[in-house]
Amino acid sequence: MSTPRTDGPPARIALVVGADAADRALVAGLLRLTGWDVREAAGTRDALRLARRSDPDLVVTDLDGPAGEGPALLRRLRLVGCRAHLLAVTADADAQDRAAALEAGALACLPKPVHAGLLLGLLGRRASGPPASGAGDPSTEDVDAELMDRLQQLYATALPGRLTAISDGARTGDAAALARASATLAGTSAQLGHPEVAAVCRAIAQDARRGVLAHELVVELRTVAGA
C-alpha cells in the first residue's frame, strides 16, 4: 500500500468526491479560496479516473452514499497507487462507516456542513504527515481564530473575481458555468458568515441548473455583496 506524501512543497491538487453538487461545491470552494487546484467527481468511477489523471495530493470524499461506498473508494484509491492524504465527510454515517473510513486511511471524518476553519486547520496541522494517534473527529474548539481571519481576508480578495465569473456566465448564456460559479460562492459565503450572499447565490445556481439565467438575481447579488 502506498503512503501519503510527507516531504516536498505543500499539497496543491485536491479531488472532492460526492453525489451532491452543492456539498461538493462547498468543500471545493473553501479549498480553491486558499489556493488549491480542485477537481470534482460525482461518483467512484469518475473519482478513480481523475485520481489516475491528476495524481491529487488530497482527496475529500462524502460517506453519505450507498452503504460502504465511501470507505471502499478510499481503499481502491490506495490500490491504484493514489498517494493522496484522505479525508471523509458525513452528515449521518454510522459508527461502523466512520471506523471503516479511518481504517481505509482517512486522516479524519468531518461532520457536515463542513466548518471552514476546521477543514483548513486540520489540513494545516496534519496533512504534512500521518494522522496523529486517536485522530478521527476533531473539534471546532481547535480552530485557530487567526486562520478564520485569514479566510475572511481571502474571501474579500476573491469576491470581485467570483462575482465577475457569475456575471459572465449570465451574460454569455453559459448556464453550466453560472451554476458552478454561484454554487461555489454560495458555499464559501455560508461558511464564512455571509448568509444573504449565500442565499442569492443558491437561488441563481438552482435556476441555472434548470437552464434559467436569472439576470435580476445577478444584479441583486452585486447589491447584497456590496459590489
Foldseek 3Di string as FASTA:
>chain_A
DAAAAQDDDAFAEEEEEAQDPLLSLLVVLLSVLVRHRYDYYDFLVVRLVVCVVPLGQEYEYECPDPPPRGLVSLLVCVVVPRNHAYEYEYADDDPVSQVSNVVSHHLEYEYPPHASQVVVVCCVVDSNHGHDPPHYYDDPVPGDPVVLVVSVVSCVVCVVVLLVQLVVCLVVLPLVSNLSSLSNNLSSCVNNPLNVLNVLSVVCNVCSVVSHRPVVSSVVNCVSVVD
